[in-house]
N, C-alpha and C. Protein backbone atom coordinates (compact mmCIF):
# COMPACT_ATOMS: atom_id res chain seq x y z
N MET A 1 -6.91 9.48 4.62
CA MET A 1 -7.33 8.40 3.71
C MET A 1 -7.03 7.05 4.33
N GLU A 2 -7.99 6.14 4.25
CA GLU A 2 -7.82 4.83 4.86
C GLU A 2 -6.74 4.02 4.15
N LYS A 3 -5.89 3.38 4.93
CA LYS A 3 -4.81 2.58 4.37
C LYS A 3 -5.38 1.35 3.68
N THR A 4 -4.88 1.04 2.49
CA THR A 4 -5.43 -0.08 1.72
C THR A 4 -4.39 -1.16 1.42
N SER A 5 -3.13 -0.94 1.78
CA SER A 5 -2.11 -1.97 1.56
C SER A 5 -1.21 -2.05 2.78
N TRP A 6 -0.75 -3.27 3.08
CA TRP A 6 0.02 -3.50 4.29
C TRP A 6 1.21 -4.41 3.98
N THR A 7 2.34 -4.11 4.62
CA THR A 7 3.51 -4.97 4.51
C THR A 7 3.47 -5.99 5.64
N VAL A 8 3.86 -7.23 5.33
CA VAL A 8 3.69 -8.33 6.27
C VAL A 8 4.97 -9.13 6.44
N MET A 9 5.27 -9.50 7.68
CA MET A 9 6.33 -10.47 7.97
C MET A 9 5.71 -11.66 8.68
N ILE A 10 6.23 -12.84 8.36
CA ILE A 10 5.69 -14.09 8.90
C ILE A 10 6.82 -14.90 9.52
N ALA A 11 6.59 -15.43 10.71
CA ALA A 11 7.59 -16.29 11.37
C ALA A 11 6.89 -17.55 11.87
N ASP A 12 7.32 -18.68 11.36
CA ASP A 12 6.80 -19.97 11.81
C ASP A 12 7.96 -20.96 11.83
N GLY A 13 8.03 -21.76 12.88
CA GLY A 13 9.15 -22.68 13.05
C GLY A 13 9.22 -23.76 11.98
N GLN A 14 8.15 -23.98 11.25
CA GLN A 14 8.12 -24.97 10.18
C GLN A 14 8.12 -24.26 8.83
N GLN A 15 9.14 -24.49 8.04
CA GLN A 15 9.30 -23.77 6.78
C GLN A 15 8.09 -23.91 5.87
N LEU A 16 7.55 -25.12 5.78
CA LEU A 16 6.39 -25.35 4.91
C LEU A 16 5.20 -24.51 5.35
N VAL A 17 4.95 -24.47 6.65
CA VAL A 17 3.83 -23.68 7.17
C VAL A 17 4.06 -22.20 6.91
N ALA A 18 5.29 -21.74 7.13
CA ALA A 18 5.63 -20.34 6.88
C ALA A 18 5.37 -19.98 5.42
N ASP A 19 5.79 -20.85 4.52
CA ASP A 19 5.60 -20.61 3.08
C ASP A 19 4.11 -20.62 2.71
N LEU A 20 3.36 -21.54 3.31
CA LEU A 20 1.93 -21.62 3.03
C LEU A 20 1.20 -20.37 3.54
N LEU A 21 1.59 -19.89 4.71
CA LEU A 21 1.00 -18.67 5.24
C LEU A 21 1.32 -17.48 4.33
N SER A 22 2.55 -17.47 3.81
CA SER A 22 2.95 -16.42 2.89
C SER A 22 2.07 -16.44 1.63
N LYS A 23 1.88 -17.62 1.07
CA LYS A 23 1.04 -17.74 -0.13
C LYS A 23 -0.39 -17.31 0.16
N LEU A 24 -0.87 -17.70 1.34
CA LEU A 24 -2.24 -17.36 1.73
C LEU A 24 -2.41 -15.85 1.84
N LEU A 25 -1.48 -15.19 2.53
CA LEU A 25 -1.59 -13.73 2.69
C LEU A 25 -1.46 -13.02 1.35
N LYS A 26 -0.64 -13.55 0.46
CA LYS A 26 -0.50 -12.95 -0.87
C LYS A 26 -1.81 -13.01 -1.65
N SER A 27 -2.62 -14.03 -1.35
CA SER A 27 -3.89 -14.16 -2.06
C SER A 27 -4.94 -13.17 -1.57
N PHE A 28 -4.70 -12.56 -0.41
CA PHE A 28 -5.62 -11.55 0.11
C PHE A 28 -5.28 -10.20 -0.52
N GLU A 29 -6.27 -9.42 -0.82
CA GLU A 29 -6.04 -8.13 -1.46
C GLU A 29 -5.36 -7.15 -0.50
N GLY A 30 -4.29 -6.52 -0.98
CA GLY A 30 -3.66 -5.45 -0.22
C GLY A 30 -2.51 -5.86 0.68
N PHE A 31 -2.04 -7.10 0.56
CA PHE A 31 -0.96 -7.57 1.43
C PHE A 31 0.32 -7.82 0.62
N GLU A 32 1.43 -7.25 1.12
CA GLU A 32 2.74 -7.46 0.49
C GLU A 32 3.65 -8.17 1.50
N ILE A 33 4.11 -9.35 1.18
CA ILE A 33 4.99 -10.12 2.07
C ILE A 33 6.42 -9.61 1.91
N ILE A 34 7.00 -9.14 2.99
CA ILE A 34 8.37 -8.61 2.91
C ILE A 34 9.36 -9.44 3.73
N GLY A 35 8.90 -10.56 4.27
CA GLY A 35 9.82 -11.42 5.01
C GLY A 35 9.14 -12.67 5.53
N VAL A 36 9.79 -13.81 5.34
CA VAL A 36 9.30 -15.10 5.86
C VAL A 36 10.46 -15.75 6.61
N PHE A 37 10.25 -16.11 7.87
CA PHE A 37 11.34 -16.57 8.72
C PHE A 37 10.95 -17.82 9.50
N THR A 38 11.96 -18.60 9.87
CA THR A 38 11.74 -19.76 10.72
C THR A 38 12.41 -19.59 12.09
N HIS A 39 13.01 -18.42 12.33
CA HIS A 39 13.63 -18.13 13.62
C HIS A 39 13.26 -16.72 14.04
N THR A 40 12.96 -16.54 15.31
CA THR A 40 12.55 -15.22 15.79
C THR A 40 13.68 -14.20 15.72
N GLU A 41 14.93 -14.67 15.85
CA GLU A 41 16.06 -13.74 15.77
C GLU A 41 16.11 -13.07 14.41
N ALA A 42 15.92 -13.85 13.35
CA ALA A 42 15.92 -13.29 12.00
C ALA A 42 14.76 -12.33 11.80
N LEU A 43 13.61 -12.67 12.37
CA LEU A 43 12.45 -11.80 12.28
C LEU A 43 12.74 -10.45 12.92
N THR A 44 13.29 -10.48 14.13
CA THR A 44 13.57 -9.23 14.86
C THR A 44 14.56 -8.36 14.10
N LEU A 45 15.61 -8.95 13.58
CA LEU A 45 16.60 -8.19 12.81
C LEU A 45 15.98 -7.55 11.58
N ALA A 46 15.18 -8.32 10.86
CA ALA A 46 14.55 -7.80 9.64
C ALA A 46 13.56 -6.68 9.96
N ALA A 47 12.80 -6.85 11.04
CA ALA A 47 11.82 -5.84 11.42
C ALA A 47 12.49 -4.53 11.80
N ASN A 48 13.69 -4.62 12.36
CA ASN A 48 14.42 -3.42 12.75
C ASN A 48 14.89 -2.62 11.54
N SER A 49 15.13 -3.31 10.43
CA SER A 49 15.60 -2.62 9.23
C SER A 49 14.46 -2.19 8.31
N ARG A 50 13.35 -2.90 8.38
CA ARG A 50 12.20 -2.55 7.55
C ARG A 50 10.93 -2.80 8.33
N ALA A 51 10.45 -1.79 8.99
CA ALA A 51 9.31 -1.93 9.89
C ALA A 51 8.06 -2.39 9.15
N PRO A 52 7.52 -3.56 9.50
CA PRO A 52 6.30 -4.07 8.84
C PRO A 52 5.04 -3.49 9.47
N ASP A 53 3.95 -3.55 8.72
CA ASP A 53 2.66 -3.14 9.27
C ASP A 53 2.03 -4.26 10.09
N LEU A 54 2.32 -5.50 9.68
CA LEU A 54 1.70 -6.67 10.31
C LEU A 54 2.72 -7.78 10.46
N VAL A 55 2.71 -8.43 11.62
CA VAL A 55 3.62 -9.55 11.87
C VAL A 55 2.81 -10.73 12.41
N LEU A 56 2.92 -11.88 11.75
CA LEU A 56 2.30 -13.11 12.21
C LEU A 56 3.38 -14.00 12.79
N VAL A 57 3.20 -14.45 14.02
CA VAL A 57 4.23 -15.23 14.71
C VAL A 57 3.63 -16.53 15.24
N ASP A 58 4.29 -17.63 14.94
CA ASP A 58 3.91 -18.94 15.47
C ASP A 58 4.07 -18.94 16.99
N ALA A 59 2.99 -19.20 17.71
CA ALA A 59 3.02 -19.15 19.17
C ALA A 59 3.95 -20.20 19.77
N GLY A 60 4.23 -21.28 19.03
CA GLY A 60 5.05 -22.34 19.56
C GLY A 60 6.53 -22.20 19.28
N MET A 61 6.94 -21.15 18.57
CA MET A 61 8.35 -20.95 18.25
C MET A 61 9.14 -20.58 19.50
N PRO A 62 10.35 -21.10 19.68
CA PRO A 62 11.20 -20.65 20.78
C PRO A 62 11.44 -19.15 20.67
N GLY A 63 11.24 -18.44 21.76
CA GLY A 63 11.47 -17.00 21.78
C GLY A 63 10.35 -16.18 21.18
N SER A 64 9.20 -16.80 20.89
CA SER A 64 8.11 -16.05 20.26
C SER A 64 7.59 -14.92 21.15
N SER A 65 7.42 -15.18 22.43
CA SER A 65 6.92 -14.15 23.34
C SER A 65 7.89 -12.98 23.43
N GLU A 66 9.18 -13.30 23.57
CA GLU A 66 10.20 -12.26 23.66
C GLU A 66 10.23 -11.43 22.38
N ALA A 67 10.13 -12.09 21.23
CA ALA A 67 10.17 -11.38 19.95
C ALA A 67 8.98 -10.43 19.82
N VAL A 68 7.78 -10.92 20.15
CA VAL A 68 6.59 -10.09 20.05
C VAL A 68 6.66 -8.92 21.02
N LEU A 69 7.13 -9.18 22.23
CA LEU A 69 7.26 -8.10 23.20
C LEU A 69 8.23 -7.04 22.71
N ASN A 70 9.37 -7.45 22.19
CA ASN A 70 10.36 -6.51 21.68
C ASN A 70 9.83 -5.72 20.50
N LEU A 71 9.13 -6.39 19.59
CA LEU A 71 8.57 -5.71 18.43
C LEU A 71 7.49 -4.72 18.84
N THR A 72 6.71 -5.09 19.85
CA THR A 72 5.67 -4.19 20.36
C THR A 72 6.29 -2.90 20.90
N LEU A 73 7.42 -3.05 21.59
CA LEU A 73 8.07 -1.89 22.19
C LEU A 73 8.81 -1.04 21.17
N SER A 74 9.41 -1.68 20.16
CA SER A 74 10.24 -0.95 19.20
C SER A 74 9.51 -0.51 17.94
N HIS A 75 8.35 -1.12 17.66
CA HIS A 75 7.59 -0.76 16.47
C HIS A 75 6.12 -0.56 16.86
N ALA A 76 5.85 0.61 17.40
CA ALA A 76 4.53 0.88 17.95
C ALA A 76 3.42 0.76 16.91
N GLY A 77 3.74 1.01 15.65
CA GLY A 77 2.72 0.97 14.61
C GLY A 77 2.41 -0.40 14.07
N ALA A 78 3.23 -1.38 14.39
CA ALA A 78 3.04 -2.73 13.86
C ALA A 78 1.94 -3.47 14.61
N ARG A 79 1.17 -4.27 13.90
CA ARG A 79 0.15 -5.11 14.50
C ARG A 79 0.73 -6.52 14.63
N LEU A 80 0.75 -7.05 15.84
CA LEU A 80 1.33 -8.37 16.10
C LEU A 80 0.22 -9.38 16.34
N ILE A 81 0.33 -10.54 15.69
CA ILE A 81 -0.66 -11.60 15.85
C ILE A 81 0.04 -12.92 16.13
N PHE A 82 -0.37 -13.60 17.20
CA PHE A 82 0.08 -14.96 17.47
C PHE A 82 -0.81 -15.93 16.69
N ILE A 83 -0.20 -16.94 16.09
CA ILE A 83 -0.96 -18.01 15.44
C ILE A 83 -0.59 -19.32 16.10
N ASP A 84 -1.59 -20.05 16.58
CA ASP A 84 -1.35 -21.29 17.31
C ASP A 84 -1.94 -22.46 16.52
N SER A 85 -1.40 -23.65 16.78
CA SER A 85 -1.89 -24.85 16.08
C SER A 85 -3.29 -25.22 16.54
N ALA A 86 -3.61 -24.91 17.78
CA ALA A 86 -4.94 -25.16 18.34
C ALA A 86 -5.17 -24.18 19.48
N TYR A 87 -6.42 -24.00 19.86
CA TYR A 87 -6.73 -23.05 20.93
C TYR A 87 -6.18 -23.52 22.27
N ARG A 88 -5.47 -22.61 22.96
CA ARG A 88 -4.99 -22.86 24.31
C ARG A 88 -5.24 -21.60 25.13
N SER A 89 -6.03 -21.73 26.19
CA SER A 89 -6.44 -20.56 26.94
C SER A 89 -5.27 -19.77 27.51
N PHE A 90 -4.23 -20.48 27.97
CA PHE A 90 -3.10 -19.76 28.56
C PHE A 90 -2.34 -18.97 27.50
N GLN A 91 -2.40 -19.40 26.23
CA GLN A 91 -1.72 -18.68 25.16
C GLN A 91 -2.42 -17.36 24.86
N VAL A 92 -3.72 -17.30 25.06
CA VAL A 92 -4.44 -16.04 24.87
C VAL A 92 -3.92 -15.00 25.86
N LYS A 93 -3.78 -15.40 27.11
CA LYS A 93 -3.26 -14.50 28.13
C LYS A 93 -1.82 -14.11 27.80
N ARG A 94 -1.05 -15.07 27.34
CA ARG A 94 0.34 -14.83 26.98
C ARG A 94 0.43 -13.80 25.85
N ALA A 95 -0.43 -13.94 24.84
CA ALA A 95 -0.45 -13.00 23.73
C ALA A 95 -0.78 -11.59 24.22
N PHE A 96 -1.77 -11.50 25.09
CA PHE A 96 -2.17 -10.21 25.65
C PHE A 96 -1.03 -9.59 26.44
N ASP A 97 -0.36 -10.39 27.26
CA ASP A 97 0.76 -9.89 28.08
C ASP A 97 1.89 -9.34 27.22
N CYS A 98 2.12 -9.94 26.07
CA CYS A 98 3.23 -9.54 25.21
C CYS A 98 2.89 -8.35 24.32
N GLY A 99 1.65 -7.93 24.33
CA GLY A 99 1.26 -6.78 23.52
C GLY A 99 0.72 -7.11 22.15
N ALA A 100 0.46 -8.39 21.87
CA ALA A 100 -0.10 -8.77 20.58
C ALA A 100 -1.53 -8.24 20.46
N MET A 101 -1.94 -7.99 19.24
CA MET A 101 -3.31 -7.51 18.98
C MET A 101 -4.25 -8.66 18.65
N GLY A 102 -3.68 -9.84 18.37
CA GLY A 102 -4.54 -10.95 18.00
C GLY A 102 -3.97 -12.30 18.36
N TYR A 103 -4.86 -13.25 18.56
CA TYR A 103 -4.49 -14.64 18.79
C TYR A 103 -5.42 -15.48 17.93
N LEU A 104 -4.87 -16.06 16.86
CA LEU A 104 -5.67 -16.86 15.93
C LEU A 104 -5.15 -18.29 15.92
N THR A 105 -5.96 -19.21 15.43
CA THR A 105 -5.52 -20.60 15.37
C THR A 105 -5.53 -21.08 13.92
N LYS A 106 -4.73 -22.11 13.66
CA LYS A 106 -4.64 -22.69 12.32
C LYS A 106 -5.86 -23.55 12.01
N ARG A 107 -6.78 -23.62 12.96
CA ARG A 107 -8.02 -24.35 12.74
C ARG A 107 -9.15 -23.43 12.31
N ASP A 108 -8.89 -22.12 12.29
CA ASP A 108 -9.91 -21.17 11.83
C ASP A 108 -10.18 -21.39 10.34
N SER A 109 -11.37 -21.04 9.90
CA SER A 109 -11.67 -21.11 8.47
C SER A 109 -10.94 -19.99 7.75
N LEU A 110 -10.81 -20.14 6.43
CA LEU A 110 -10.13 -19.12 5.63
C LEU A 110 -10.82 -17.77 5.78
N GLU A 111 -12.14 -17.77 5.77
CA GLU A 111 -12.90 -16.53 5.89
C GLU A 111 -12.68 -15.90 7.26
N GLU A 112 -12.71 -16.72 8.32
CA GLU A 112 -12.49 -16.21 9.68
C GLU A 112 -11.09 -15.64 9.81
N PHE A 113 -10.12 -16.34 9.25
CA PHE A 113 -8.72 -15.93 9.34
C PHE A 113 -8.51 -14.56 8.70
N GLU A 114 -8.99 -14.38 7.49
CA GLU A 114 -8.83 -13.10 6.81
C GLU A 114 -9.59 -11.99 7.53
N ALA A 115 -10.82 -12.28 7.93
CA ALA A 115 -11.62 -11.27 8.62
C ALA A 115 -10.96 -10.83 9.92
N SER A 116 -10.40 -11.79 10.67
CA SER A 116 -9.74 -11.46 11.94
C SER A 116 -8.51 -10.58 11.72
N ILE A 117 -7.73 -10.90 10.69
CA ILE A 117 -6.54 -10.10 10.39
C ILE A 117 -6.94 -8.67 10.04
N ARG A 118 -7.97 -8.51 9.25
CA ARG A 118 -8.41 -7.17 8.86
C ARG A 118 -8.97 -6.40 10.05
N ARG A 119 -9.60 -7.09 10.96
CA ARG A 119 -10.09 -6.43 12.18
C ARG A 119 -8.93 -5.93 13.03
N VAL A 120 -7.86 -6.74 13.11
CA VAL A 120 -6.67 -6.32 13.85
C VAL A 120 -6.06 -5.09 13.20
N LEU A 121 -5.96 -5.09 11.87
CA LEU A 121 -5.40 -3.95 11.16
C LEU A 121 -6.25 -2.70 11.34
N ALA A 122 -7.55 -2.90 11.61
CA ALA A 122 -8.45 -1.77 11.85
C ALA A 122 -8.35 -1.26 13.28
N GLY A 123 -7.52 -1.95 14.09
CA GLY A 123 -7.31 -1.47 15.47
C GLY A 123 -7.99 -2.27 16.54
N GLU A 124 -8.67 -3.35 16.17
CA GLU A 124 -9.35 -4.19 17.17
C GLU A 124 -8.40 -5.23 17.74
N LYS A 125 -8.69 -5.68 18.95
CA LYS A 125 -8.01 -6.83 19.52
C LYS A 125 -8.89 -8.05 19.26
N VAL A 126 -8.32 -9.05 18.62
CA VAL A 126 -9.10 -10.22 18.22
C VAL A 126 -8.45 -11.48 18.78
N TYR A 127 -9.20 -12.21 19.58
CA TYR A 127 -8.67 -13.44 20.17
C TYR A 127 -9.64 -14.58 19.91
N ALA A 128 -9.10 -15.67 19.35
CA ALA A 128 -9.92 -16.85 19.10
C ALA A 128 -10.51 -17.35 20.42
N ARG A 129 -11.70 -17.85 20.34
CA ARG A 129 -12.36 -18.39 21.52
C ARG A 129 -12.70 -19.85 21.29
N SER A 130 -12.53 -20.63 22.33
CA SER A 130 -12.91 -22.04 22.26
C SER A 130 -14.29 -22.20 22.88
N PRO A 131 -15.16 -23.05 22.32
CA PRO A 131 -16.46 -23.30 22.92
C PRO A 131 -16.36 -23.80 24.36
N THR A 132 -15.23 -24.43 24.69
CA THR A 132 -15.05 -24.96 26.04
C THR A 132 -14.04 -24.16 26.84
N ALA A 133 -13.75 -22.93 26.41
CA ALA A 133 -12.67 -22.15 27.02
C ALA A 133 -12.90 -21.88 28.50
N ASP A 134 -14.16 -21.73 28.89
CA ASP A 134 -14.42 -21.36 30.28
C ASP A 134 -14.74 -22.55 31.18
N ARG A 135 -14.74 -23.76 30.63
CA ARG A 135 -15.09 -24.93 31.45
C ARG A 135 -13.99 -25.26 32.46
N ASP A 136 -12.75 -25.15 31.96
CA ASP A 136 -11.63 -25.51 32.83
C ASP A 136 -10.50 -24.55 32.58
N LYS A 137 -10.26 -23.64 33.49
CA LYS A 137 -9.24 -22.61 33.32
C LYS A 137 -7.90 -23.06 33.84
N ARG A 138 -7.75 -24.34 34.02
CA ARG A 138 -6.47 -24.87 34.49
C ARG A 138 -5.73 -25.55 33.36
N CYS A 139 -4.57 -26.03 33.66
CA CYS A 139 -3.70 -26.61 32.64
C CYS A 139 -4.39 -27.76 31.92
N PRO A 140 -4.52 -27.71 30.57
CA PRO A 140 -5.28 -28.72 29.84
C PRO A 140 -4.74 -30.13 29.97
N MET A 141 -3.42 -30.30 30.13
CA MET A 141 -2.90 -31.66 30.19
C MET A 141 -2.82 -32.16 31.63
N ASN A 142 -3.15 -31.29 32.59
CA ASN A 142 -3.18 -31.67 34.01
C ASN A 142 -4.36 -31.00 34.68
N PRO A 143 -5.59 -31.34 34.32
CA PRO A 143 -6.76 -30.68 34.89
C PRO A 143 -6.70 -30.64 36.40
N GLY A 144 -6.82 -29.43 36.95
CA GLY A 144 -6.84 -29.29 38.39
C GLY A 144 -5.48 -29.33 39.06
N LEU A 145 -4.40 -29.59 38.30
CA LEU A 145 -3.09 -29.71 38.91
C LEU A 145 -2.35 -28.39 38.94
N LEU A 146 -2.22 -27.75 37.78
CA LEU A 146 -1.54 -26.46 37.70
C LEU A 146 -2.55 -25.34 37.47
N THR A 147 -2.32 -24.22 38.12
CA THR A 147 -3.17 -23.05 37.88
C THR A 147 -2.75 -22.37 36.59
N ASP A 148 -3.58 -21.44 36.10
CA ASP A 148 -3.24 -20.69 34.89
C ASP A 148 -1.88 -20.01 35.03
N ARG A 149 -1.65 -19.37 36.18
CA ARG A 149 -0.40 -18.64 36.39
C ARG A 149 0.79 -19.57 36.40
N GLU A 150 0.61 -20.75 36.98
CA GLU A 150 1.71 -21.72 37.01
C GLU A 150 2.02 -22.22 35.60
N VAL A 151 0.99 -22.39 34.78
CA VAL A 151 1.21 -22.79 33.39
C VAL A 151 1.97 -21.69 32.65
N GLU A 152 1.60 -20.45 32.90
CA GLU A 152 2.29 -19.33 32.25
C GLU A 152 3.76 -19.31 32.62
N VAL A 153 4.05 -19.44 33.91
CA VAL A 153 5.44 -19.44 34.36
C VAL A 153 6.20 -20.61 33.76
N LEU A 154 5.58 -21.79 33.77
CA LEU A 154 6.20 -22.96 33.16
C LEU A 154 6.53 -22.71 31.69
N THR A 155 5.60 -22.10 30.97
CA THR A 155 5.79 -21.83 29.55
C THR A 155 6.94 -20.86 29.31
N TYR A 156 6.98 -19.80 30.09
CA TYR A 156 8.04 -18.79 29.89
C TYR A 156 9.41 -19.34 30.28
N VAL A 157 9.46 -20.10 31.36
CA VAL A 157 10.74 -20.71 31.76
C VAL A 157 11.22 -21.66 30.66
N ALA A 158 10.30 -22.46 30.14
CA ALA A 158 10.65 -23.40 29.08
C ALA A 158 11.10 -22.69 27.81
N ALA A 159 10.58 -21.48 27.59
CA ALA A 159 10.95 -20.69 26.41
C ALA A 159 12.26 -19.95 26.61
N GLY A 160 12.86 -20.07 27.79
CA GLY A 160 14.16 -19.46 28.03
C GLY A 160 14.14 -18.14 28.75
N PHE A 161 12.99 -17.72 29.26
CA PHE A 161 12.90 -16.45 29.98
C PHE A 161 13.59 -16.58 31.34
N SER A 162 14.30 -15.55 31.73
CA SER A 162 14.83 -15.48 33.09
C SER A 162 13.67 -15.14 34.02
N ALA A 163 13.87 -15.35 35.32
CA ALA A 163 12.82 -15.02 36.29
C ALA A 163 12.49 -13.52 36.23
N ARG A 164 13.51 -12.70 36.03
CA ARG A 164 13.29 -11.25 35.97
C ARG A 164 12.46 -10.88 34.76
N ARG A 165 12.80 -11.47 33.59
CA ARG A 165 12.06 -11.16 32.37
C ARG A 165 10.64 -11.67 32.46
N CYS A 166 10.47 -12.84 33.03
CA CYS A 166 9.14 -13.41 33.22
C CYS A 166 8.29 -12.50 34.10
N ALA A 167 8.90 -11.97 35.15
CA ALA A 167 8.20 -11.07 36.07
C ALA A 167 7.76 -9.80 35.34
N GLU A 168 8.62 -9.28 34.47
CA GLU A 168 8.29 -8.07 33.72
C GLU A 168 7.10 -8.29 32.80
N VAL A 169 7.09 -9.42 32.11
CA VAL A 169 6.03 -9.71 31.16
C VAL A 169 4.70 -9.95 31.87
N LEU A 170 4.74 -10.67 32.98
CA LEU A 170 3.51 -11.03 33.70
C LEU A 170 3.05 -9.95 34.67
N GLY A 171 3.90 -8.96 34.93
CA GLY A 171 3.53 -7.89 35.84
C GLY A 171 3.48 -8.31 37.29
N ILE A 172 4.35 -9.24 37.66
CA ILE A 172 4.43 -9.69 39.05
C ILE A 172 5.88 -9.58 39.51
N SER A 173 6.13 -9.84 40.77
CA SER A 173 7.49 -9.72 41.29
C SER A 173 8.32 -10.94 40.92
N GLU A 174 9.63 -10.76 40.91
CA GLU A 174 10.53 -11.86 40.61
C GLU A 174 10.40 -12.95 41.67
N ASN A 175 10.18 -12.55 42.90
CA ASN A 175 10.01 -13.52 43.98
C ASN A 175 8.76 -14.37 43.77
N THR A 176 7.69 -13.73 43.27
CA THR A 176 6.46 -14.46 42.99
C THR A 176 6.67 -15.47 41.87
N VAL A 177 7.45 -15.07 40.86
CA VAL A 177 7.77 -16.00 39.77
C VAL A 177 8.51 -17.22 40.33
N GLN A 178 9.47 -16.99 41.20
CA GLN A 178 10.24 -18.10 41.78
C GLN A 178 9.34 -19.01 42.60
N ASN A 179 8.38 -18.41 43.31
CA ASN A 179 7.45 -19.22 44.10
C ASN A 179 6.57 -20.11 43.20
N HIS A 180 6.08 -19.52 42.10
CA HIS A 180 5.28 -20.30 41.15
C HIS A 180 6.12 -21.42 40.54
N LYS A 181 7.33 -21.09 40.20
CA LYS A 181 8.23 -22.07 39.60
C LYS A 181 8.48 -23.23 40.55
N ALA A 182 8.68 -22.92 41.83
CA ALA A 182 8.92 -23.96 42.82
C ALA A 182 7.70 -24.86 42.97
N ARG A 183 6.50 -24.27 42.92
CA ARG A 183 5.27 -25.07 43.03
C ARG A 183 5.09 -25.98 41.82
N VAL A 184 5.42 -25.45 40.62
CA VAL A 184 5.33 -26.26 39.41
C VAL A 184 6.25 -27.47 39.52
N MET A 185 7.48 -27.23 39.93
CA MET A 185 8.45 -28.33 40.07
C MET A 185 7.98 -29.36 41.08
N ARG A 186 7.43 -28.88 42.18
CA ARG A 186 6.97 -29.80 43.22
C ARG A 186 5.77 -30.62 42.73
N LYS A 187 4.82 -29.97 42.10
CA LYS A 187 3.62 -30.66 41.64
C LYS A 187 3.92 -31.69 40.55
N LEU A 188 4.88 -31.35 39.67
CA LEU A 188 5.19 -32.22 38.54
C LEU A 188 6.39 -33.11 38.79
N ASN A 189 6.96 -33.01 39.99
CA ASN A 189 8.14 -33.80 40.35
C ASN A 189 9.29 -33.54 39.38
N LEU A 190 9.55 -32.25 39.12
CA LEU A 190 10.65 -31.83 38.26
C LEU A 190 11.73 -31.20 39.13
N HIS A 191 12.97 -31.21 38.64
CA HIS A 191 14.06 -30.77 39.50
C HIS A 191 14.94 -29.67 38.90
N LYS A 192 14.92 -29.51 37.57
CA LYS A 192 15.76 -28.51 36.92
C LYS A 192 14.96 -27.80 35.82
N ASN A 193 15.53 -26.66 35.36
CA ASN A 193 14.89 -25.94 34.26
C ASN A 193 14.75 -26.82 33.02
N VAL A 194 15.77 -27.63 32.76
CA VAL A 194 15.73 -28.50 31.58
C VAL A 194 14.59 -29.50 31.69
N ASP A 195 14.26 -29.92 32.90
CA ASP A 195 13.12 -30.83 33.10
C ASP A 195 11.81 -30.12 32.76
N MET A 196 11.72 -28.85 33.16
CA MET A 196 10.53 -28.06 32.86
C MET A 196 10.39 -27.87 31.36
N THR A 197 11.51 -27.61 30.70
CA THR A 197 11.48 -27.43 29.25
C THR A 197 11.04 -28.70 28.55
N ARG A 198 11.60 -29.83 28.97
CA ARG A 198 11.25 -31.11 28.37
C ARG A 198 9.75 -31.39 28.55
N TYR A 199 9.27 -31.13 29.75
CA TYR A 199 7.85 -31.36 30.04
C TYR A 199 6.97 -30.46 29.17
N ALA A 200 7.37 -29.18 29.04
CA ALA A 200 6.58 -28.23 28.25
C ALA A 200 6.54 -28.63 26.78
N VAL A 201 7.65 -29.11 26.26
CA VAL A 201 7.71 -29.57 24.87
C VAL A 201 6.82 -30.80 24.67
N GLN A 202 6.93 -31.75 25.59
CA GLN A 202 6.14 -32.98 25.48
C GLN A 202 4.64 -32.73 25.54
N ASN A 203 4.26 -31.66 26.22
CA ASN A 203 2.83 -31.36 26.38
C ASN A 203 2.34 -30.23 25.49
N GLY A 204 3.17 -29.84 24.53
CA GLY A 204 2.72 -28.89 23.53
C GLY A 204 2.68 -27.43 23.96
N LEU A 205 3.31 -27.10 25.08
CA LEU A 205 3.33 -25.70 25.53
C LEU A 205 4.30 -24.87 24.71
N VAL A 206 5.43 -25.46 24.36
CA VAL A 206 6.41 -24.82 23.48
C VAL A 206 6.90 -25.86 22.50
N ARG A 207 7.50 -25.39 21.41
CA ARG A 207 8.02 -26.31 20.39
C ARG A 207 9.50 -26.54 20.63
N ASP A 208 9.93 -27.76 20.45
CA ASP A 208 11.33 -28.09 20.64
C ASP A 208 12.19 -27.35 19.63
């Protein structure tokens, strides 16, 4: 028999947004909200005690990639969806690497948002597309300066990933991660991890 009700957990770094998402999901038929969080640590702990069917995670939250990856590994039946403030091509790849089933944006219409969530619950992978997604596959705030892979490494380093963990998520060697990191620092004239984090925050790659 086809499943008609789903338990949902929501994590967004902004309490108001998290609460609004909760209200929105409650208005959809068949959804029960069992947790609303503003920190990924709380989300992970709660999911371990009560496995949800669906988890919506703010892509800009610190530790969001790590949380989604861990939930993917520990809760095989859960559907994970990244929600971003706006479309970012490198975030789509990041979502895929972490095992998420969907990447949606807060700019989607209400109808698109609900339809996409239901498609994910039906087993589809759903990723928002930008009309200009294929025009420039390089870093949006530095056209032609950083490659997609360099942006990914920058994002993960800024989010607190070690080189080893970054390598595991991206499926490359730790040495390759270090090489990408060195190129990012050289191109952007950065000298420490904290500089990379500051730069990523200022350019909207991660949330402070």
